[in-house]
Amino acid sequence: MKLYSDFAPQRTRQIIADAVALAAIIVWVWFGITVYSAVSALASFGVDMQRAGNGFQQSMTDIGDQLAGVPLIGGTVRAPFDGASSAGAALESAGESQQVLVQQLALTLGLGIALIPTAIVLVIWLIPRIRFIRRAGRARVVLRSGAGVDLLALRALANQKLTALAAVDPDASGAWRRGDPAVLAQLAALELKSSGIRMRPSSAGAAG
């Protein structure tokens, strides 16, 4: 697997793009985690509500139980405390609900902030990089085959601009039909350059 071009300018651009993309992904993931942590901290209010409600409910229940033992008036006196105990239970339930909502919000915001920009970076950066790696791999396979240089030269005639072909030889197609080793090597090198692969002397010699 070939990750980078053999040509310095293109290789430099690829390395810079890789570094920028990875840095951007790290930053957005960190930002997502930070937002998740910050929003999750708001759940502490729900925890306090839950504890307060539980404590109030327990206190009212205990008082009501004690007053219930008073002869004749116990049942009547206990009723308000039972109502207050129910209010404490409602406060405890509200605290629990607030914690759930805050955690859901924190998770949604954190994942959204981290994943959406990361996905955009991957589409812009990773897909072209994968295409380059696959193209370079195919070009190397062709180059290593018995008729590699001839085939690459033919691909150059089909894919490269006429001005680039004319710079190699005014009659590049005729030179390919004649099997001119020098022209074949230059045409193959031209096609390989598009894939980020430099023609090696041994490969050029294989065209003879």
C-alpha atoms as a PDB file:
ATOM      1  CA  MET A   1       0.000   0.000   0.000  1.00  0.00           C
ATOM      2  CA  LYS A   2       1.435   3.329  -1.087  1.00  0.00           C
ATOM      3  CA  LEU A   3       0.403   6.252   1.116  1.00  0.00           C
ATOM      4  CA  TYR A   4       2.391   9.101  -0.380  1.00  0.00           C
ATOM      5  CA  SER A   5       3.567  10.291  -3.763  1.00  0.00           C
ATOM      6  CA  ASP A   6       7.158   9.831  -4.909  1.00  0.00           C
ATOM      7  CA  PHE A   7       7.159  13.470  -6.022  1.00  0.00           C
ATOM      8  CA  ALA A   8       8.133  15.963  -3.321  1.00  0.00           C
ATOM      9  CA  PRO A   9       5.591  18.750  -4.036  1.00  0.00           C
ATOM     10  CA  GLN A  10       2.631  16.354  -4.126  1.00  0.00           C
ATOM     11  CA  ARG A  11       3.961  14.385  -1.152  1.00  0.00           C
ATOM     12  CA  THR A  12       4.318  17.605   0.858  1.00  0.00           C
ATOM     13  CA  ARG A  13       0.727  18.587   0.089  1.00  0.00           C
ATOM     14  CA  GLN A  14      -0.467  15.125   1.107  1.00  0.00           C
ATOM     15  CA  ILE A  15       1.438  15.197   4.401  1.00  0.00           C
ATOM     16  CA  ILE A  16       0.132  18.676   5.217  1.00  0.00           C
ATOM     17  CA  ALA A  17      -3.435  17.635   4.354  1.00  0.00           C
ATOM     18  CA  ASP A  18      -3.112  14.537   6.551  1.00  0.00           C
ATOM     19  CA  ALA A  19      -1.784  16.564   9.469  1.00  0.00           C
ATOM     20  CA  VAL A  20      -4.492  19.226   9.146  1.00  0.00           C
ATOM     21  CA  ALA A  21      -7.257  16.623   8.825  1.00  0.00           C
ATOM     22  CA  LEU A  22      -6.089  14.620  11.842  1.00  0.00           C
ATOM     23  CA  ALA A  23      -5.670  17.791  13.898  1.00  0.00           C
ATOM     24  CA  ALA A  24      -9.185  18.923  12.944  1.00  0.00           C
ATOM     25  CA  ILE A  25     -10.649  15.559  13.950  1.00  0.00           C
ATOM     26  CA  ILE A  26      -8.835  15.654  17.299  1.00  0.00           C
ATOM     27  CA  VAL A  27     -10.025  19.210  17.967  1.00  0.00           C
ATOM     28  CA  TRP A  28     -13.668  18.446  17.171  1.00  0.00           C
ATOM     29  CA  VAL A  29     -13.652  15.257  19.248  1.00  0.00           C
ATOM     30  CA  TRP A  30     -12.104  17.180  22.155  1.00  0.00           C
ATOM     31  CA  PHE A  31     -14.682  19.936  21.737  1.00  0.00           C
ATOM     32  CA  GLY A  32     -17.502  17.390  21.718  1.00  0.00           C
ATOM     33  CA  ILE A  33     -16.194  15.793  24.914  1.00  0.00           C
ATOM     34  CA  THR A  34     -15.831  19.228  26.528  1.00  0.00           C
ATOM     35  CA  VAL A  35     -19.400  20.201  25.667  1.00  0.00           C
ATOM     36  CA  TYR A  36     -20.666  16.835  26.912  1.00  0.00           C
ATOM     37  CA  SER A  37     -18.849  17.315  30.228  1.00  0.00           C
ATOM     38  CA  ALA A  38     -20.075  20.898  30.619  1.00  0.00           C
ATOM     39  CA  VAL A  39     -23.717  20.050  29.947  1.00  0.00           C
ATOM     40  CA  SER A  40     -23.546  16.901  32.088  1.00  0.00           C
ATOM     41  CA  ALA A  41     -22.461  19.058  35.019  1.00  0.00           C
ATOM     42  CA  LEU A  42     -25.920  20.642  34.965  1.00  0.00           C
ATOM     43  CA  ALA A  43     -27.277  17.297  36.157  1.00  0.00           C
ATOM     44  CA  SER A  44     -25.939  18.190  39.609  1.00  0.00           C
ATOM     45  CA  PHE A  45     -29.034  20.370  40.093  1.00  0.00           C
ATOM     46  CA  GLY A  46     -31.172  17.311  39.478  1.00  0.00           C
ATOM     47  CA  VAL A  47     -29.122  15.332  41.971  1.00  0.00           C
ATOM     48  CA  ASP A  48     -29.654  18.050  44.592  1.00  0.00           C
ATOM     49  CA  MET A  49     -33.388  18.099  43.845  1.00  0.00           C
ATOM     50  CA  GLN A  50     -33.582  14.333  44.144  1.00  0.00           C
ATOM     51  CA  ARG A  51     -31.729  14.311  47.442  1.00  0.00           C
ATOM     52  CA  ALA A  52     -33.766  17.195  48.843  1.00  0.00           C
ATOM     53  CA  GLY A  53     -37.029  15.598  47.783  1.00  0.00           C
ATOM     54  CA  ASN A  54     -36.035  12.243  49.226  1.00  0.00           C
ATOM     55  CA  GLY A  55     -34.935  13.801  52.501  1.00  0.00           C
ATOM     56  CA  PHE A  56     -38.082  15.915  52.806  1.00  0.00           C
ATOM     57  CA  GLN A  57     -40.287  12.925  51.973  1.00  0.00           C
ATOM     58  CA  GLN A  58     -38.566  10.766  54.577  1.00  0.00           C
ATOM     59  CA  SER A  59     -38.779  13.476  57.250  1.00  0.00           C
ATOM     60  CA  MET A  60     -42.493  14.093  56.655  1.00  0.00           C
ATOM     61  CA  THR A  61     -43.189  10.385  56.652  1.00  0.00           C
ATOM     62  CA  ASP A  62     -41.326   9.890  59.940  1.00  0.00           C
ATOM     63  CA  ILE A  63     -43.163  12.799  61.582  1.00  0.00           C
ATOM     64  CA  GLY A  64     -46.481  11.528  60.298  1.00  0.00           C
ATOM     65  CA  ASP A  65     -45.754   8.046  61.643  1.00  0.00           C
ATOM     66  CA  GLN A  66     -44.937   9.474  65.051  1.00  0.00           C
ATOM     67  CA  LEU A  67     -48.038  11.672  65.193  1.00  0.00           C
ATOM     68  CA  ALA A  68     -50.234   8.834  64.038  1.00  0.00           C
ATOM     69  CA  GLY A  69     -49.728   7.228  67.414  1.00  0.00           C
ATOM     70  CA  VAL A  70     -51.411  10.107  69.234  1.00  0.00           C
ATOM     71  CA  PRO A  71     -54.772   8.896  70.543  1.00  0.00           C
ATOM     72  CA  LEU A  72     -57.933  10.259  68.954  1.00  0.00           C
ATOM     73  CA  ILE A  73     -56.288  12.965  66.807  1.00  0.00           C
ATOM     74  CA  GLY A  74     -53.408  10.966  65.326  1.00  0.00           C
ATOM     75  CA  GLY A  75     -55.065  10.205  62.003  1.00  0.00           C
ATOM     76  CA  THR A  76     -56.212  13.788  61.515  1.00  0.00           C
ATOM     77  CA  VAL A  77     -52.854  15.328  62.393  1.00  0.00           C
ATOM     78  CA  ARG A  78     -50.984  12.901  60.123  1.00  0.00           C
ATOM     79  CA  ALA A  79     -52.850  13.863  56.940  1.00  0.00           C
ATOM     80  CA  PRO A  80     -50.962  17.145  56.222  1.00  0.00           C
ATOM     81  CA  PHE A  81     -47.640  15.413  56.696  1.00  0.00           C
ATOM     82  CA  ASP A  82     -48.644  12.677  54.267  1.00  0.00           C
ATOM     83  CA  GLY A  83     -49.431  15.424  51.728  1.00  0.00           C
ATOM     84  CA  ALA A  84     -46.055  17.024  52.334  1.00  0.00           C
ATOM     85  CA  SER A  85     -44.419  13.631  51.931  1.00  0.00           C
ATOM     86  CA  SER A  86     -46.102  13.296  48.535  1.00  0.00           C
ATOM     87  CA  ALA A  87     -44.720  16.697  47.555  1.00  0.00           C
ATOM     88  CA  GLY A  88     -41.255  15.496  48.526  1.00  0.00           C
ATOM     89  CA  ALA A  89     -41.723  12.413  46.358  1.00  0.00           C
ATOM     90  CA  ALA A  90     -42.744  14.640  43.437  1.00  0.00           C
ATOM     91  CA  LEU A  91     -39.628  16.771  43.942  1.00  0.00           C
ATOM     92  CA  GLU A  92     -37.465  13.638  44.003  1.00  0.00           C
ATOM     93  CA  SER A  93     -39.077  12.397  40.775  1.00  0.00           C
ATOM     94  CA  ALA A  94     -38.521  15.791  39.128  1.00  0.00           C
ATOM     95  CA  GLY A  95     -34.856  15.619  40.097  1.00  0.00           C
ATOM     96  CA  GLU A  96     -34.505  12.204  38.492  1.00  0.00           C
ATOM     97  CA  SER A  97     -36.223  13.410  35.311  1.00  0.00           C
ATOM     98  CA  GLN A  98     -33.963  16.450  35.126  1.00  0.00           C
ATOM     99  CA  GLN A  99     -30.889  14.245  35.318  1.00  0.00           C
ATOM    100  CA  VAL A 100     -32.141  12.020  32.495  1.00  0.00           C
ATOM    101  CA  LEU A 101     -32.959  15.001  30.274  1.00  0.00           C
ATOM    102  CA  VAL A 102     -29.604  16.643  30.929  1.00  0.00           C
ATOM    103  CA  GLN A 103     -27.714  13.439  30.134  1.00  0.00           C
ATOM    104  CA  GLN A 104     -29.668  12.988  26.902  1.00  0.00           C
ATOM    105  CA  LEU A 105     -29.002  16.598  25.903  1.00  0.00           C
ATOM    106  CA  ALA A 106     -25.311  16.299  26.782  1.00  0.00           C
ATOM    107  CA  LEU A 107     -24.941  13.113  24.764  1.00  0.00           C
ATOM    108  CA  THR A 108     -26.776  14.554  21.754  1.00  0.00           C
ATOM    109  CA  LEU A 109     -24.757  17.774  21.732  1.00  0.00           C
ATOM    110  CA  GLY A 110     -21.458  16.027  22.383  1.00  0.00           C
ATOM    111  CA  LEU A 111     -21.927  13.446  19.642  1.00  0.00           C
ATOM    112  CA  GLY A 112     -23.282  16.026  17.198  1.00  0.00           C
ATOM    113  CA  ILE A 113     -20.395  18.416  17.728  1.00  0.00           C
ATOM    114  CA  ALA A 114     -17.816  15.628  17.490  1.00  0.00           C
ATOM    115  CA  LEU A 115     -19.251  13.438  14.728  1.00  0.00           C
ATOM    116  CA  ILE A 116     -20.740  15.840  12.170  1.00  0.00           C
ATOM    117  CA  PRO A 117     -17.575  17.910  11.562  1.00  0.00           C
ATOM    118  CA  THR A 118     -15.487  14.715  11.706  1.00  0.00           C
ATOM    119  CA  ALA A 119     -17.667  13.138   9.014  1.00  0.00           C
ATOM    120  CA  ILE A 120     -17.264  16.237   6.833  1.00  0.00           C
ATOM    121  CA  VAL A 121     -13.480  16.142   7.259  1.00  0.00           C
ATOM    122  CA  LEU A 122     -13.415  12.448   6.367  1.00  0.00           C
ATOM    123  CA  VAL A 123     -15.448  13.021   3.200  1.00  0.00           C
ATOM    124  CA  ILE A 124     -13.236  15.901   2.071  1.00  0.00           C
ATOM    125  CA  TRP A 125      -9.915  14.300   3.051  1.00  0.00           C
ATOM    126  CA  LEU A 126     -10.137  10.530   3.405  1.00  0.00           C
ATOM    127  CA  ILE A 127     -11.984   9.674   0.187  1.00  0.00           C
ATOM    128  CA  PRO A 128      -9.395  11.380  -2.079  1.00  0.00           C
ATOM    129  CA  ARG A 129      -6.602   9.757  -0.085  1.00  0.00           C
ATOM    130  CA  ILE A 130      -8.169   6.322  -0.545  1.00  0.00           C
ATOM    131  CA  ARG A 131      -8.544   7.005  -4.257  1.00  0.00           C
ATOM    132  CA  PHE A 132      -4.865   7.945  -4.497  1.00  0.00           C
ATOM    133  CA  ILE A 133      -3.786   4.815  -2.627  1.00  0.00           C
ATOM    134  CA  ARG A 134      -5.888   2.578  -4.870  1.00  0.00           C
ATOM    135  CA  ARG A 135      -4.747   4.313  -8.052  1.00  0.00           C
ATOM    136  CA  ALA A 136      -1.103   4.121  -7.024  1.00  0.00           C
ATOM    137  CA  GLY A 137      -1.521   0.452  -6.151  1.00  0.00           C
ATOM    138  CA  ARG A 138      -3.024  -0.361  -9.531  1.00  0.00           C
ATOM    139  CA  ALA A 139      -0.281   1.569 -11.327  1.00  0.00           C
ATOM    140  CA  ARG A 140       2.424  -0.346  -9.476  1.00  0.00           C
ATOM    141  CA  VAL A 141       0.788  -3.652 -10.368  1.00  0.00           C
ATOM    142  CA  VAL A 142       0.738  -2.658 -14.032  1.00  0.00           C
ATOM    143  CA  LEU A 143       4.340  -1.449 -13.865  1.00  0.00           C
ATOM    144  CA  ARG A 144       5.521  -4.748 -12.390  1.00  0.00           C
ATOM    145  CA  SER A 145       3.732  -6.839 -15.012  1.00  0.00           C
ATOM    146  CA  GLY A 146       5.573  -8.079 -18.072  1.00  0.00           C
ATOM    147  CA  ALA A 147       4.036  -5.504 -20.409  1.00  0.00           C
ATOM    148  CA  GLY A 148       3.835  -2.793 -17.737  1.00  0.00           C
ATOM    149  CA  VAL A 149       5.664   0.013 -19.509  1.00  0.00           C
ATOM    150  CA  ASP A 150       3.872  -0.626 -22.813  1.00  0.00           C
ATOM    151  CA  LEU A 151       0.489  -0.647 -21.091  1.00  0.00           C
ATOM    152  CA  LEU A 152       1.239   2.470 -19.063  1.00  0.00           C
ATOM    153  CA  ALA A 153       2.403   4.242 -22.211  1.00  0.00           C
ATOM    154  CA  LEU A 154      -0.837   3.269 -23.936  1.00  0.00           C
ATOM    155  CA  ARG A 155      -2.835   4.550 -20.965  1.00  0.00           C
ATOM    156  CA  ALA A 156      -0.902   7.812 -21.203  1.00  0.00           C
ATOM    157  CA  LEU A 157      -1.910   8.157 -24.858  1.00  0.00           C
ATOM    158  CA  ALA A 158      -5.541   7.689 -23.816  1.00  0.00           C
ATOM    159  CA  ASN A 159      -5.583   9.747 -20.598  1.00  0.00           C
ATOM    160  CA  GLN A 160      -2.992  12.520 -20.780  1.00  0.00           C
ATOM    161  CA  LYS A 161      -3.402  15.935 -22.402  1.00  0.00           C
ATOM    162  CA  LEU A 162      -2.228  16.389 -25.986  1.00  0.00           C
ATOM    163  CA  THR A 163       0.191  19.124 -24.940  1.00  0.00           C
ATOM    164  CA  ALA A 164       1.839  16.783 -22.443  1.00  0.00           C
ATOM    165  CA  LEU A 165       2.080  14.023 -25.078  1.00  0.00           C
ATOM    166  CA  ALA A 166       3.526  16.436 -27.654  1.00  0.00           C
ATOM    167  CA  ALA A 167       6.168  17.485 -25.132  1.00  0.00           C
ATOM    168  CA  VAL A 168       7.322  13.862 -25.019  1.00  0.00           C
ATOM    169  CA  ASP A 169       7.292  13.335 -28.782  1.00  0.00           C
ATOM    170  CA  PRO A 170       5.451  15.152 -31.591  1.00  0.00           C
ATOM    171  CA  ASP A 171       4.341  11.737 -32.870  1.00  0.00           C
ATOM    172  CA  ALA A 172       3.871   9.968 -29.577  1.00  0.00           C
ATOM    173  CA  SER A 173       1.374   7.443 -30.935  1.00  0.00           C
ATOM    174  CA  GLY A 174       3.685   6.553 -33.795  1.00  0.00           C
ATOM    175  CA  ALA A 175       6.588   6.134 -31.408  1.00  0.00           C
ATOM    176  CA  TRP A 176       4.422   3.826 -29.277  1.00  0.00           C
ATOM    177  CA  ARG A 177       3.560   1.710 -32.332  1.00  0.00           C
ATOM    178  CA  ARG A 178       7.259   1.497 -33.232  1.00  0.00           C
ATOM    179  CA  GLY A 179       8.065   0.508 -29.667  1.00  0.00           C
ATOM    180  CA  ASP A 180      10.554   3.351 -29.140  1.00  0.00           C
ATOM    181  CA  PRO A 181      12.019   2.513 -25.698  1.00  0.00           C
ATOM    182  CA  ALA A 182      12.794   6.111 -24.740  1.00  0.00           C
ATOM    183  CA  VAL A 183       9.357   7.422 -25.711  1.00  0.00           C
ATOM    184  CA  LEU A 184       7.627   4.456 -24.051  1.00  0.00           C
ATOM    185  CA  ALA A 185       9.501   5.136 -20.841  1.00  0.00           C
ATOM    186  CA  GLN A 186       8.605   8.841 -20.900  1.00  0.00           C
ATOM    187  CA  LEU A 187       4.942   8.123 -21.638  1.00  0.00           C
ATOM    188  CA  ALA A 188       4.822   5.540 -18.852  1.00  0.00           C
ATOM    189  CA  ALA A 189       6.506   7.984 -16.484  1.00  0.00           C
ATOM    190  CA  LEU A 190       3.934  10.622 -17.452  1.00  0.00           C
ATOM    191  CA  GLU A 191       1.091   8.242 -16.586  1.00  0.00           C
ATOM    192  CA  LEU A 192       2.782   7.121 -13.379  1.00  0.00           C
ATOM    193  CA  LYS A 193       3.281  10.710 -12.260  1.00  0.00           C
ATOM    194  CA  SER A 194      -0.489  11.128 -12.272  1.00  0.00           C
ATOM    195  CA  SER A 195      -0.557   8.252  -9.772  1.00  0.00           C
ATOM    196  CA  GLY A 196       2.303   9.614  -7.682  1.00  0.00           C
ATOM    197  CA  ILE A 197       4.834   6.984  -8.791  1.00  0.00           C
ATOM    198  CA  ARG A 198       8.258   7.783 -10.226  1.00  0.00           C
ATOM    199  CA  MET A 199       9.593   5.636 -13.030  1.00  0.00           C
ATOM    200  CA  ARG A 200      12.569   3.627 -11.827  1.00  0.00           C
ATOM    201  CA  PRO A 201      15.552   3.101 -14.144  1.00  0.00           C
ATOM    202  CA  SER A 202      15.119  -0.679 -13.989  1.00  0.00           C
ATOM    203  CA  SER A 203      11.479  -0.341 -14.977  1.00  0.00           C
ATOM    204  CA  ALA A 204      12.318   1.939 -17.863  1.00  0.00           C
ATOM    205  CA  GLY A 205      14.869  -0.531 -19.079  1.00  0.00           C
ATOM    206  CA  ALA A 206      12.226  -3.255 -19.123  1.00  0.00           C
ATOM    207  CA  ALA A 207      10.580  -1.519 -22.083  1.00  0.00           C
ATOM    208  CA  GLY A 208      13.459  -2.485 -24.378  1.00  0.00           C
END
